[in-house]
Amino acid sequence: MIRKNEDRFGPRTNSSDESPAAADPASVLQFVTPTDFVELPSKGKGYPAGHPLCDQEMIEIKHMTAKEEDILSSRTLLKNGKALDRLISSVICNKAIDANSLLVCDRNAIIISARSNGYGTEYNTKVTCPHCGAINKRTFDLTEPKVYDGSDWQDYDIEKLENGNHLITLPLSNFKVEVKSLIGADERKIFDMLQNKKKDQNLVTDQMRLFIVSVEGHTQPNIINHFINNVPSAQSRYLRDAFNCITPSIKIVRDFECGECGYEQELEVSLGTDFFWPER
């Protein structure tokens, strides 16, 4: 005897009956995106008072998802150089932090951590020997970045200011030049300069305009431009070397020996979009 379906499955509903409401995907698929705390090379120094990272030694970021891969694959964002800006904004947990306001060293620390979380701690890539041009395959360890905290400037006449900037006194002229640390917005200007660079454009002086705040207390652009264009080369070099010494940094480096010619040199990984897909 055939049992009625109603006995096993319940009474048959009429096709005209109202269908059940669609389930909320967020309630069905409970994903908890992992997060990490990234140590800031700057230790929060160099940010103005009131900035969320002022005097903070760490920042919380989430692990990459397919959403971030879309950002890194966007032709438009890659072409205009905004892919990394969007990536950093996307992974930062505190949305009150503007990626363009981050110091360059801290942005790089976030990029390295995001790459490690998304694709592993080994970075396999091809490098070109600077001496003979041979292509070599090398692996870089992302767990041991070379971090510099910007404190080794004893050989220069430098004073740390309360606003986070530094005052550099030049030799001979004794001009006092106030400089600031470069942030993401400045990195964007450098990218634009490289994209639009003309043969007669001087990238060195353009970069100096980005970090010089004042000369002898004068903040007017025309006075700063006059100083940059006329300061003797020895003093200009002193200023730029001093600036490098007070600038925190984080780098991925390894010793390199060419398999073809034996040339040896320390190599540094470029932290651009190719850092995520080096073989592309």
C-alpha atoms as a PDB file:
ATOM      1  CA  MET A   1       0.000   0.000   0.000  1.00  0.00           C
ATOM      2  CA  ILE A   2       1.403   3.366  -1.028  1.00  0.00           C
ATOM      3  CA  ARG A   3       1.636   5.849   1.841  1.00  0.00           C
ATOM      4  CA  LYS A   4       0.324   9.277   1.272  1.00  0.00           C
ATOM      5  CA  ASN A   5       3.049  11.890   0.780  1.00  0.00           C
ATOM      6  CA  GLU A   6       1.236  14.087   3.244  1.00  0.00           C
ATOM      7  CA  ASP A   7       1.991  11.550   5.968  1.00  0.00           C
ATOM      8  CA  ARG A   8       5.723  11.759   5.303  1.00  0.00           C
ATOM      9  CA  PHE A   9       6.322  15.316   4.242  1.00  0.00           C
ATOM     10  CA  GLY A  10       3.335  17.210   5.505  1.00  0.00           C
ATOM     11  CA  PRO A  11       0.422  18.601   3.531  1.00  0.00           C
ATOM     12  CA  ARG A  12       1.138  19.841   0.014  1.00  0.00           C
ATOM     13  CA  THR A  13       1.082  23.593  -0.280  1.00  0.00           C
ATOM     14  CA  ASN A  14      -0.657  25.427  -3.060  1.00  0.00           C
ATOM     15  CA  SER A  15       1.707  27.007  -5.628  1.00  0.00           C
ATOM     16  CA  SER A  16      -0.122  30.245  -5.107  1.00  0.00           C
ATOM     17  CA  ASP A  17       0.822  30.339  -1.432  1.00  0.00           C
ATOM     18  CA  GLU A  18       3.295  33.003  -0.384  1.00  0.00           C
ATOM     19  CA  SER A  19       6.875  31.685  -0.599  1.00  0.00           C
ATOM     20  CA  PRO A  20       9.083  31.974   2.503  1.00  0.00           C
ATOM     21  CA  ALA A  21      11.212  35.069   2.811  1.00  0.00           C
ATOM     22  CA  ALA A  22      14.719  34.770   1.367  1.00  0.00           C
ATOM     23  CA  ALA A  23      17.330  34.024   4.001  1.00  0.00           C
ATOM     24  CA  ASP A  24      19.756  36.785   4.948  1.00  0.00           C
ATOM     25  CA  PRO A  25      23.214  35.696   3.662  1.00  0.00           C
ATOM     26  CA  ALA A  26      24.892  37.454   6.584  1.00  0.00           C
ATOM     27  CA  SER A  27      22.954  35.303   9.054  1.00  0.00           C
ATOM     28  CA  VAL A  28      23.556  32.038   7.155  1.00  0.00           C
ATOM     29  CA  LEU A  29      27.267  32.453   6.377  1.00  0.00           C
ATOM     30  CA  GLN A  30      28.917  33.568   9.561  1.00  0.00           C
ATOM     31  CA  PHE A  31      32.433  34.631   8.525  1.00  0.00           C
ATOM     32  CA  VAL A  32      34.704  36.158  11.118  1.00  0.00           C
ATOM     33  CA  THR A  33      37.502  37.908   9.232  1.00  0.00           C
ATOM     34  CA  PRO A  34      40.767  37.539  11.176  1.00  0.00           C
ATOM     35  CA  THR A  35      42.682  40.661  12.136  1.00  0.00           C
ATOM     36  CA  ASP A  36      46.285  41.393  13.064  1.00  0.00           C
ATOM     37  CA  PHE A  37      48.037  44.177  14.906  1.00  0.00           C
ATOM     38  CA  VAL A  38      50.843  45.650  12.818  1.00  0.00           C
ATOM     39  CA  GLU A  39      53.778  47.314  14.551  1.00  0.00           C
ATOM     40  CA  LEU A  40      54.291  50.829  13.200  1.00  0.00           C
ATOM     41  CA  PRO A  41      57.911  51.688  12.333  1.00  0.00           C
ATOM     42  CA  SER A  42      57.153  55.289  13.333  1.00  0.00           C
ATOM     43  CA  LYS A  43      55.907  54.244  16.803  1.00  0.00           C
ATOM     44  CA  GLY A  44      53.268  56.930  16.275  1.00  0.00           C
ATOM     45  CA  LYS A  45      55.874  59.706  16.220  1.00  0.00           C
ATOM     46  CA  GLY A  46      55.525  62.317  13.507  1.00  0.00           C
ATOM     47  CA  TYR A  47      51.727  62.421  13.594  1.00  0.00           C
ATOM     48  CA  PRO A  48      50.096  65.671  14.711  1.00  0.00           C
ATOM     49  CA  ALA A  49      48.148  65.805  17.968  1.00  0.00           C
ATOM     50  CA  GLY A  50      44.623  64.558  17.402  1.00  0.00           C
ATOM     51  CA  HIS A  51      45.580  62.043  14.699  1.00  0.00           C
ATOM     52  CA  PRO A  52      44.284  58.546  15.601  1.00  0.00           C
ATOM     53  CA  LEU A  53      47.828  57.146  15.388  1.00  0.00           C
ATOM     54  CA  CYS A  54      49.595  59.871  17.359  1.00  0.00           C
ATOM     55  CA  ASP A  55      51.911  58.066  19.819  1.00  0.00           C
ATOM     56  CA  GLN A  56      50.342  54.712  18.895  1.00  0.00           C
ATOM     57  CA  GLU A  57      52.727  51.828  18.285  1.00  0.00           C
ATOM     58  CA  MET A  58      50.307  49.510  16.481  1.00  0.00           C
ATOM     59  CA  ILE A  59      47.407  49.518  14.040  1.00  0.00           C
ATOM     60  CA  GLU A  60      44.783  46.800  13.587  1.00  0.00           C
ATOM     61  CA  ILE A  61      44.133  45.513  10.068  1.00  0.00           C
ATOM     62  CA  LYS A  62      41.940  42.726   8.725  1.00  0.00           C
ATOM     63  CA  HIS A  63      43.137  39.927   6.487  1.00  0.00           C
ATOM     64  CA  MET A  64      42.646  40.343   2.756  1.00  0.00           C
ATOM     65  CA  THR A  65      39.549  38.911   1.052  1.00  0.00           C
ATOM     66  CA  ALA A  66      38.363  38.681  -2.556  1.00  0.00           C
ATOM     67  CA  LYS A  67      37.244  42.295  -2.179  1.00  0.00           C
ATOM     68  CA  GLU A  68      40.869  43.423  -1.797  1.00  0.00           C
ATOM     69  CA  GLU A  69      41.924  41.212  -4.714  1.00  0.00           C
ATOM     70  CA  ASP A  70      39.370  43.065  -6.840  1.00  0.00           C
ATOM     71  CA  ILE A  71      41.015  46.327  -5.803  1.00  0.00           C
ATOM     72  CA  LEU A  72      44.452  45.063  -6.827  1.00  0.00           C
ATOM     73  CA  SER A  73      43.043  43.831 -10.151  1.00  0.00           C
ATOM     74  CA  SER A  74      41.251  47.042 -11.110  1.00  0.00           C
ATOM     75  CA  ARG A  75      42.757  48.403 -14.324  1.00  0.00           C
ATOM     76  CA  THR A  76      41.536  51.890 -13.494  1.00  0.00           C
ATOM     77  CA  LEU A  77      43.052  51.911 -10.002  1.00  0.00           C
ATOM     78  CA  LEU A  78      46.318  50.422 -11.274  1.00  0.00           C
ATOM     79  CA  LYS A  79      46.577  52.977 -14.059  1.00  0.00           C
ATOM     80  CA  ASN A  80      46.056  56.006 -11.817  1.00  0.00           C
ATOM     81  CA  GLY A  81      48.176  54.600  -8.996  1.00  0.00           C
ATOM     82  CA  LYS A  82      45.368  54.430  -6.438  1.00  0.00           C
ATOM     83  CA  ALA A  83      45.206  50.659  -5.976  1.00  0.00           C
ATOM     84  CA  LEU A  84      47.430  50.575  -2.882  1.00  0.00           C
ATOM     85  CA  ASP A  85      45.608  53.563  -1.358  1.00  0.00           C
ATOM     86  CA  ARG A  86      42.305  51.696  -1.703  1.00  0.00           C
ATOM     87  CA  LEU A  87      43.833  48.475  -0.397  1.00  0.00           C
ATOM     88  CA  ILE A  88      45.187  50.161   2.728  1.00  0.00           C
ATOM     89  CA  SER A  89      41.850  51.928   3.359  1.00  0.00           C
ATOM     90  CA  SER A  90      40.026  48.622   2.943  1.00  0.00           C
ATOM     91  CA  VAL A  91      42.087  46.582   5.427  1.00  0.00           C
ATOM     92  CA  ILE A  92      42.383  49.218   8.175  1.00  0.00           C
ATOM     93  CA  CYS A  93      39.850  48.402  10.903  1.00  0.00           C
ATOM     94  CA  ASN A  94      39.560  51.964  12.213  1.00  0.00           C
ATOM     95  CA  LYS A  95      37.786  53.737   9.352  1.00  0.00           C
ATOM     96  CA  ALA A  96      38.491  57.116  10.960  1.00  0.00           C
ATOM     97  CA  ILE A  97      42.089  56.762   9.739  1.00  0.00           C
ATOM     98  CA  ASP A  98      42.737  58.265   6.300  1.00  0.00           C
ATOM     99  CA  ALA A  99      45.212  56.115   4.349  1.00  0.00           C
ATOM    100  CA  ASN A 100      46.663  59.250   2.747  1.00  0.00           C
ATOM    101  CA  SER A 101      47.503  60.657   6.188  1.00  0.00           C
ATOM    102  CA  LEU A 102      49.666  57.677   7.139  1.00  0.00           C
ATOM    103  CA  LEU A 103      53.420  58.060   7.201  1.00  0.00           C
ATOM    104  CA  VAL A 104      55.063  56.267   4.280  1.00  0.00           C
ATOM    105  CA  CYS A 105      56.877  53.812   6.567  1.00  0.00           C
ATOM    106  CA  ASP A 106      53.619  52.837   8.301  1.00  0.00           C
ATOM    107  CA  ARG A 107      51.847  52.388   4.959  1.00  0.00           C
ATOM    108  CA  ASN A 108      54.632  50.029   3.896  1.00  0.00           C
ATOM    109  CA  ALA A 109      54.302  48.024   7.119  1.00  0.00           C
ATOM    110  CA  ILE A 110      50.582  47.568   6.402  1.00  0.00           C
ATOM    111  CA  ILE A 111      51.306  46.513   2.808  1.00  0.00           C
ATOM    112  CA  ILE A 112      53.843  43.900   3.948  1.00  0.00           C
ATOM    113  CA  SER A 113      51.469  42.506   6.573  1.00  0.00           C
ATOM    114  CA  ALA A 114      48.531  42.391   4.129  1.00  0.00           C
ATOM    115  CA  ARG A 115      50.682  40.541   1.576  1.00  0.00           C
ATOM    116  CA  SER A 116      51.841  38.039   4.211  1.00  0.00           C
ATOM    117  CA  ASN A 117      48.295  37.365   5.419  1.00  0.00           C
ATOM    118  CA  GLY A 118      46.907  37.023   1.919  1.00  0.00           C
ATOM    119  CA  TYR A 119      49.566  35.046   0.086  1.00  0.00           C
ATOM    120  CA  GLY A 120      52.052  33.741   2.624  1.00  0.00           C
ATOM    121  CA  THR A 121      55.312  34.917   4.125  1.00  0.00           C
ATOM    122  CA  GLU A 122      57.528  33.897   1.202  1.00  0.00           C
ATOM    123  CA  TYR A 123      57.857  36.279  -1.737  1.00  0.00           C
ATOM    124  CA  ASN A 124      59.125  34.493  -4.838  1.00  0.00           C
ATOM    125  CA  THR A 125      60.127  36.748  -7.692  1.00  0.00           C
ATOM    126  CA  LYS A 126      62.559  37.279 -10.536  1.00  0.00           C
ATOM    127  CA  VAL A 127      65.332  39.830 -10.102  1.00  0.00           C
ATOM    128  CA  THR A 128      67.674  41.300 -12.675  1.00  0.00           C
ATOM    129  CA  CYS A 129      71.382  41.387 -11.883  1.00  0.00           C
ATOM    130  CA  PRO A 130      72.445  45.069 -11.843  1.00  0.00           C
ATOM    131  CA  HIS A 131      75.858  44.086 -13.212  1.00  0.00           C
ATOM    132  CA  CYS A 132      75.237  41.662 -16.099  1.00  0.00           C
ATOM    133  CA  GLY A 133      71.461  41.795 -16.572  1.00  0.00           C
ATOM    134  CA  ALA A 134      70.923  38.075 -15.956  1.00  0.00           C
ATOM    135  CA  ILE A 135      67.518  37.016 -14.586  1.00  0.00           C
ATOM    136  CA  ASN A 136      67.646  35.215 -11.248  1.00  0.00           C
ATOM    137  CA  LYS A 137      64.833  33.680  -9.193  1.00  0.00           C
ATOM    138  CA  ARG A 138      64.987  34.577  -5.523  1.00  0.00           C
ATOM    139  CA  THR A 139      62.817  34.128  -2.424  1.00  0.00           C
ATOM    140  CA  PHE A 140      62.389  36.917   0.137  1.00  0.00           C
ATOM    141  CA  ASP A 141      61.301  36.261   3.737  1.00  0.00           C
ATOM    142  CA  LEU A 142      58.537  38.711   4.702  1.00  0.00           C
ATOM    143  CA  THR A 143      58.729  37.809   8.397  1.00  0.00           C
ATOM    144  CA  GLU A 144      62.078  39.559   8.868  1.00  0.00           C
ATOM    145  CA  PRO A 145      61.770  43.078   7.457  1.00  0.00           C
ATOM    146  CA  LYS A 146      64.583  45.559   7.986  1.00  0.00           C
ATOM    147  CA  VAL A 147      63.143  48.252  10.254  1.00  0.00           C
ATOM    148  CA  TYR A 148      64.790  51.594  10.989  1.00  0.00           C
ATOM    149  CA  ASP A 149      63.231  53.784  13.680  1.00  0.00           C
ATOM    150  CA  GLY A 150      64.704  57.109  12.525  1.00  0.00           C
ATOM    151  CA  SER A 151      66.765  57.748  15.651  1.00  0.00           C
ATOM    152  CA  ASP A 152      70.326  57.588  14.322  1.00  0.00           C
ATOM    153  CA  TRP A 153      70.998  61.262  13.545  1.00  0.00           C
ATOM    154  CA  GLN A 154      73.747  62.109  16.026  1.00  0.00           C
ATOM    155  CA  ASP A 155      76.093  63.196  13.222  1.00  0.00           C
ATOM    156  CA  TYR A 156      73.740  66.018  12.219  1.00  0.00           C
ATOM    157  CA  ASP A 157      72.566  69.220  13.870  1.00  0.00           C
ATOM    158  CA  ILE A 158      68.917  68.291  14.346  1.00  0.00           C
ATOM    159  CA  GLU A 159      66.296  69.333  16.878  1.00  0.00           C
ATOM    160  CA  LYS A 160      63.012  67.478  17.424  1.00  0.00           C
ATOM    161  CA  LEU A 161      60.064  69.895  17.595  1.00  0.00           C
ATOM    162  CA  GLU A 162      56.903  69.538  19.681  1.00  0.00           C
ATOM    163  CA  ASN A 163      54.735  69.316  16.556  1.00  0.00           C
ATOM    164  CA  GLY A 164      56.570  66.160  15.447  1.00  0.00           C
ATOM    165  CA  ASN A 165      58.683  67.912  12.819  1.00  0.00           C
ATOM    166  CA  HIS A 166      62.459  68.372  12.916  1.00  0.00           C
ATOM    167  CA  LEU A 167      64.640  71.472  12.667  1.00  0.00           C
ATOM    168  CA  ILE A 168      67.852  70.919  10.702  1.00  0.00           C
ATOM    169  CA  THR A 169      70.633  73.504  10.955  1.00  0.00           C
ATOM    170  CA  LEU A 170      72.787  73.603   7.830  1.00  0.00           C
ATOM    171  CA  PRO A 171      76.579  73.980   7.971  1.00  0.00           C
ATOM    172  CA  LEU A 172      78.246  77.268   6.893  1.00  0.00           C
ATOM    173  CA  SER A 173      75.021  79.217   6.309  1.00  0.00           C
ATOM    174  CA  ASN A 174      73.485  78.128   9.655  1.00  0.00           C
ATOM    175  CA  PHE A 175      70.059  78.273   8.005  1.00  0.00           C
ATOM    176  CA  LYS A 176      67.440  76.468  10.074  1.00  0.00           C
ATOM    177  CA  VAL A 177      65.167  74.312   7.918  1.00  0.00           C
ATOM    178  CA  GLU A 178      62.025  72.734   9.336  1.00  0.00           C
ATOM    179  CA  VAL A 179      61.093  69.435   7.702  1.00  0.00           C
ATOM    180  CA  LYS A 180      58.168  67.046   8.066  1.00  0.00           C
ATOM    181  CA  SER A 181      57.808  63.312   7.490  1.00  0.00           C
ATOM    182  CA  LEU A 182      56.269  62.279   4.187  1.00  0.00           C
ATOM    183  CA  ILE A 183      52.752  60.825   4.205  1.00  0.00           C
ATOM    184  CA  GLY A 184      50.613  58.967   1.708  1.00  0.00           C
ATOM    185  CA  ALA A 185      49.432  62.180   0.065  1.00  0.00           C
ATOM    186  CA  ASP A 186      53.065  63.115  -0.592  1.00  0.00           C
ATOM    187  CA  GLU A 187      53.725  59.670  -2.051  1.00  0.00           C
ATOM    188  CA  ARG A 188      50.802  60.287  -4.401  1.00  0.00           C
ATOM    189  CA  LYS A 189      52.418  63.566  -5.561  1.00  0.00           C
ATOM    190  CA  ILE A 190      55.708  61.745  -6.187  1.00  0.00           C
ATOM    191  CA  PHE A 191      53.843  59.144  -8.271  1.00  0.00           C
ATOM    192  CA  ASP A 192      52.209  61.910 -10.296  1.00  0.00           C
ATOM    193  CA  MET A 193      55.588  63.571 -10.781  1.00  0.00           C
ATOM    194  CA  LEU A 194      57.082  60.354 -12.114  1.00  0.00           C
ATOM    195  CA  GLN A 195      54.115  59.835 -14.422  1.00  0.00           C
ATOM    196  CA  ASN A 196      54.276  63.368 -15.818  1.00  0.00           C
ATOM    197  CA  LYS A 197      58.043  63.837 -15.649  1.00  0.00           C
ATOM    198  CA  LYS A 198      59.528  65.968 -18.404  1.00  0.00           C
ATOM    199  CA  LYS A 199      63.142  65.848 -19.509  1.00  0.00           C
ATOM    200  CA  ASP A 200      63.937  69.196 -17.901  1.00  0.00           C
ATOM    201  CA  GLN A 201      62.134  68.472 -14.644  1.00  0.00           C
ATOM    202  CA  ASN A 202      64.269  68.075 -11.518  1.00  0.00           C
ATOM    203  CA  LEU A 203      62.807  65.357  -9.340  1.00  0.00           C
ATOM    204  CA  VAL A 204      65.249  66.049  -6.470  1.00  0.00           C
ATOM    205  CA  THR A 205      64.090  69.634  -5.939  1.00  0.00           C
ATOM    206  CA  ASP A 206      60.438  68.640  -6.343  1.00  0.00           C
ATOM    207  CA  GLN A 207      60.800  66.068  -3.570  1.00  0.00           C
ATOM    208  CA  MET A 208      62.520  68.636  -1.350  1.00  0.00           C
ATOM    209  CA  ARG A 209      59.476  70.882  -1.726  1.00  0.00           C
ATOM    210  CA  LEU A 210      57.374  68.088  -0.240  1.00  0.00           C
ATOM    211  CA  PHE A 211      59.261  67.784   3.038  1.00  0.00           C
ATOM    212  CA  ILE A 212      60.469  71.359   3.680  1.00  0.00           C
ATOM    213  CA  VAL A 213      58.016  73.256   5.895  1.00  0.00           C
ATOM    214  CA  SER A 214      59.972  76.459   6.447  1.00  0.00           C
ATOM    215  CA  VAL A 215      63.398  78.085   6.050  1.00  0.00           C
ATOM    216  CA  GLU A 216      64.478  80.440   8.816  1.00  0.00           C
ATOM    217  CA  GLY A 217      60.839  80.499   9.909  1.00  0.00           C
ATOM    218  CA  HIS A 218      59.547  81.545   6.485  1.00  0.00           C
ATOM    219  CA  THR A 219      56.787  79.304   5.153  1.00  0.00           C
ATOM    220  CA  GLN A 220      55.995  81.202   1.939  1.00  0.00           C
ATOM    221  CA  PRO A 221      56.357  78.936  -1.147  1.00  0.00           C
ATOM    222  CA  ASN A 222      58.338  81.573  -3.067  1.00  0.00           C
ATOM    223  CA  ILE A 223      60.946  81.809  -0.300  1.00  0.00           C
ATOM    224  CA  ILE A 224      61.197  78.017   0.010  1.00  0.00           C
ATOM    225  CA  ASN A 225      61.539  77.693  -3.773  1.00  0.00           C
ATOM    226  CA  HIS A 226      64.271  80.343  -3.809  1.00  0.00           C
ATOM    227  CA  PHE A 227      66.148  78.447  -1.100  1.00  0.00           C
ATOM    228  CA  ILE A 228      65.834  75.081  -2.893  1.00  0.00           C
ATOM    229  CA  ASN A 229      67.001  76.495  -6.206  1.00  0.00           C
ATOM    230  CA  ASN A 230      69.962  78.412  -4.788  1.00  0.00           C
ATOM    231  CA  VAL A 231      71.287  76.484  -1.788  1.00  0.00           C
ATOM    232  CA  PRO A 232      74.844  75.177  -2.436  1.00  0.00           C
ATOM    233  CA  SER A 233      75.007  71.496  -3.338  1.00  0.00           C
ATOM    234  CA  ALA A 234      76.979  70.539  -0.221  1.00  0.00           C
ATOM    235  CA  GLN A 235      74.292  72.011   2.039  1.00  0.00           C
ATOM    236  CA  SER A 236      71.515  70.519  -0.044  1.00  0.00           C
ATOM    237  CA  ARG A 237      73.135  67.101   0.293  1.00  0.00           C
ATOM    238  CA  TYR A 238      73.526  67.606   4.045  1.00  0.00           C
ATOM    239  CA  LEU A 239      69.822  68.465   4.319  1.00  0.00           C
ATOM    240  CA  ARG A 240      68.705  65.418   2.331  1.00  0.00           C
ATOM    241  CA  ASP A 241      71.033  63.059   4.201  1.00  0.00           C
ATOM    242  CA  ALA A 242      69.807  64.423   7.527  1.00  0.00           C
ATOM    243  CA  PHE A 243      66.215  64.001   6.392  1.00  0.00           C
ATOM    244  CA  ASN A 244      66.882  60.363   5.508  1.00  0.00           C
ATOM    245  CA  CYS A 245      68.365  59.793   8.964  1.00  0.00           C
ATOM    246  CA  ILE A 246      65.244  61.054  10.773  1.00  0.00           C
ATOM    247  CA  THR A 247      62.859  59.118   8.510  1.00  0.00           C
ATOM    248  CA  PRO A 248      61.707  55.713   9.846  1.00  0.00           C
ATOM    249  CA  SER A 249      61.549  52.950   7.252  1.00  0.00           C
ATOM    250  CA  ILE A 250      60.701  49.309   6.737  1.00  0.00           C
ATOM    251  CA  LYS A 251      62.205  47.277   3.900  1.00  0.00           C
ATOM    252  CA  ILE A 252      62.252  43.714   2.627  1.00  0.00           C
ATOM    253  CA  VAL A 253      65.855  42.949   1.695  1.00  0.00           C
ATOM    254  CA  ARG A 254      68.164  39.991   1.178  1.00  0.00           C
ATOM    255  CA  ASP A 255      71.731  39.383   0.104  1.00  0.00           C
ATOM    256  CA  PHE A 256      71.986  38.674  -3.611  1.00  0.00           C
ATOM    257  CA  GLU A 257      74.666  36.852  -5.570  1.00  0.00           C
ATOM    258  CA  CYS A 258      74.185  36.551  -9.323  1.00  0.00           C
ATOM    259  CA  GLY A 259      74.256  32.975 -10.565  1.00  0.00           C
ATOM    260  CA  GLU A 260      75.854  34.104 -13.821  1.00  0.00           C
ATOM    261  CA  CYS A 261      78.567  36.637 -12.945  1.00  0.00           C
ATOM    262  CA  GLY A 262      78.858  36.300  -9.164  1.00  0.00           C
ATOM    263  CA  TYR A 263      78.025  39.967  -8.510  1.00  0.00           C
ATOM    264  CA  GLU A 264      76.990  40.559  -4.879  1.00  0.00           C
ATOM    265  CA  GLN A 265      74.664  43.226  -3.538  1.00  0.00           C
ATOM    266  CA  GLU A 266      71.841  43.721  -1.037  1.00  0.00           C
ATOM    267  CA  LEU A 267      68.533  43.811  -2.918  1.00  0.00           C
ATOM    268  CA  GLU A 268      65.353  45.583  -1.772  1.00  0.00           C
ATOM    269  CA  VAL A 269      61.829  44.604  -2.791  1.00  0.00           C
ATOM    270  CA  SER A 270      59.694  47.321  -4.359  1.00  0.00           C
ATOM    271  CA  LEU A 271      56.405  47.553  -2.445  1.00  0.00           C
ATOM    272  CA  GLY A 272      54.191  48.384  -5.407  1.00  0.00           C
ATOM    273  CA  THR A 273      51.214  46.428  -6.739  1.00  0.00           C
ATOM    274  CA  ASP A 274      53.590  43.864  -8.308  1.00  0.00           C
ATOM    275  CA  PHE A 275      54.544  42.967  -4.730  1.00  0.00           C
ATOM    276  CA  PHE A 276      51.261  41.035  -4.537  1.00  0.00           C
ATOM    277  CA  TRP A 277      51.575  39.292  -7.915  1.00  0.00           C
ATOM    278  CA  PRO A 278      55.303  39.322  -8.816  1.00  0.00           C
ATOM    279  CA  GLU A 279      54.989  36.776 -11.618  1.00  0.00           C
ATOM    280  CA  ARG A 280      52.218  38.667 -13.399  1.00  0.00           C
END
